[in-house]
Protein backbone atom coordinates (compact mmCIF):
# COMPACT_ATOMS: atom_id res chain seq x y z
CA UNK A 1 -0.01 -0.01 0.14
CA UNK A 2 1.34 3.38 -1.12
CA UNK A 3 0.84 6.62 0.94
CA UNK A 4 0.64 10.10 -0.35
CA UNK A 5 2.86 12.55 1.42
CA UNK A 6 1.80 15.43 -0.71
CA UNK A 7 -0.18 17.25 2.02
CA UNK A 8 2.80 16.70 4.65
CA UNK A 9 5.30 18.22 2.02
CA UNK A 10 3.08 21.05 1.26
CA UNK A 11 2.29 21.85 5.03
CA UNK A 12 6.00 22.46 5.56
CA UNK A 13 6.91 24.32 2.23
CA UNK A 14 6.89 27.75 2.91
CA UNK A 15 9.66 29.20 0.73
CA UNK A 16 11.25 28.15 -2.60
CA UNK A 17 14.58 26.45 -2.63
CA UNK A 18 16.86 26.52 -5.83
CA UNK A 19 18.84 23.76 -7.49
CA UNK A 20 21.98 25.44 -8.60
CA UNK A 21 23.10 24.20 -11.85
CA UNK A 22 26.26 25.55 -13.37
CA UNK A 23 26.90 25.62 -17.14
CA UNK A 24 30.18 25.01 -18.44
CA UNK A 25 32.65 27.74 -19.62
CA UNK A 26 33.59 28.10 -23.25
CA UNK A 27 35.90 29.78 -25.53
CA UNK A 28 34.03 32.59 -27.54
CA UNK A 29 35.59 32.53 -31.00
CA UNK A 30 33.51 34.93 -32.33
CA UNK A 31 35.28 37.28 -29.88
CA UNK A 32 38.96 36.22 -30.30
CA UNK A 33 38.62 33.01 -28.41
CA UNK A 34 38.38 34.82 -24.93
CA UNK A 35 37.33 32.34 -22.16
CA UNK A 36 33.73 32.94 -20.93
CA UNK A 37 33.20 31.59 -17.45
CA UNK A 38 30.07 29.19 -16.92
CA UNK A 39 27.32 30.69 -15.14
CA UNK A 40 25.04 29.51 -12.33
CA UNK A 41 21.40 28.90 -13.09
CA UNK A 42 19.04 28.75 -10.05
CA UNK A 43 16.13 26.25 -10.96
CA UNK A 44 13.28 26.53 -8.38
CA UNK A 45 12.45 23.17 -6.60
CA UNK A 46 9.57 22.64 -4.43
CA UNK A 47 9.77 20.80 -1.03
CA UNK A 48 10.11 21.02 2.87
CA UNK A 49 13.72 21.63 4.13
CA UNK A 50 13.91 20.52 7.90
CA UNK A 51 16.56 19.76 10.11
CA UNK A 52 17.79 16.18 10.22
CA UNK A 53 16.29 14.12 13.21
CA UNK A 54 18.22 12.07 15.60
CA UNK A 55 17.72 8.74 13.85
CA UNK A 56 19.16 10.34 10.58
CA UNK A 57 22.22 11.86 12.51
CA UNK A 58 23.00 8.30 13.94
CA UNK A 59 23.06 7.07 10.44
CA UNK A 60 25.36 9.58 9.49
CA UNK A 61 27.89 8.72 12.25
CA UNK A 62 26.16 10.04 15.42
CA UNK A 63 28.54 12.97 15.89
CA UNK A 64 27.31 15.39 13.66
CA UNK A 65 25.01 18.51 14.67
CA UNK A 66 21.51 18.80 13.51
CA UNK A 67 22.37 22.29 12.57
CA UNK A 68 24.60 20.78 9.98
CA UNK A 69 22.48 18.00 8.41
CA UNK A 70 19.07 18.63 7.01
CA UNK A 71 16.40 16.61 5.01
CA UNK A 72 14.63 17.80 1.76
CA UNK A 73 11.35 16.35 1.32
CA UNK A 74 10.29 16.68 -2.38
CA UNK A 75 8.49 15.34 -5.41
CA UNK A 76 11.38 16.56 -7.60
CA UNK A 77 13.40 13.93 -9.19
CA UNK A 78 16.69 14.24 -11.01
CA UNK A 79 18.40 15.88 -7.98
CA UNK A 80 21.76 13.92 -7.77
CA UNK A 81 24.39 13.49 -4.90
CA UNK A 82 26.79 16.38 -5.00
CA UNK A 83 24.16 18.97 -6.34
CA UNK A 84 24.01 22.17 -4.70
CA UNK A 85 20.78 23.63 -3.27
CA UNK A 86 20.31 27.31 -2.23
CA UNK A 87 17.65 27.85 0.43
CA UNK A 88 17.31 31.54 2.12
CA UNK A 89 20.92 32.62 2.61
CA UNK A 90 22.32 28.87 2.93
CA UNK A 91 24.00 26.69 0.39
CA UNK A 92 23.49 22.81 0.94
CA UNK A 93 25.35 19.94 -0.73
CA UNK A 94 23.04 16.84 -1.50
CA UNK A 95 24.91 13.99 0.36
CA UNK A 96 22.25 11.17 -0.41
CA UNK A 97 19.03 10.39 -1.86
CA UNK A 98 16.65 8.11 0.25
CA UNK A 99 14.35 6.22 -2.00
CA UNK A 100 10.80 6.20 -0.50
CA UNK A 101 9.19 4.77 -3.58
CA UNK A 102 7.75 1.87 -1.49
CA UNK A 103 5.87 4.18 0.63
CA UNK A 104 4.90 6.90 -1.80
CA UNK A 105 6.16 6.41 -5.57
CA UNK A 106 6.40 10.37 -5.85
CA UNK A 107 8.37 11.25 -2.75
CA UNK A 108 12.12 11.77 -2.37
CA UNK A 109 14.07 12.49 0.67
CA UNK A 110 17.41 14.26 0.11
CA UNK A 111 20.01 14.25 3.07
CA UNK A 112 21.52 17.73 2.62
CA UNK A 113 24.71 19.17 4.37
CA UNK A 114 24.74 22.82 5.24
CA UNK A 115 27.59 24.97 4.05
CA UNK A 116 28.12 23.39 0.62
CA UNK A 117 30.92 21.10 1.88
CA UNK A 118 31.00 17.48 0.57
CA UNK A 119 32.96 15.26 2.74
CA UNK A 120 31.68 11.75 1.54
């Protein structure tokens, strides 16, 4: 039996988060071959970002602060480990994706680390 977490996600979604996608740089040969840096595109993603609970912290090794690790409950797919997400003034790195398809075919739970630093 599948559940529908849509109402729960909607209840805790109060601001838009953004997936940061960086385009690759390139040589602009129309302008003498100068190097043009890639740019960052902010793609809106909907979901609820909440602090990681005690059980999640224990799975991450137990010693981490719940101010450091967060969870992103979302219907968004295609977000990969290592991607960056901007929420308010913080940048988070996607550390893992927990597959909840056996409970709700549309729900993704991403484990985020605040500060944009990847250590795994």
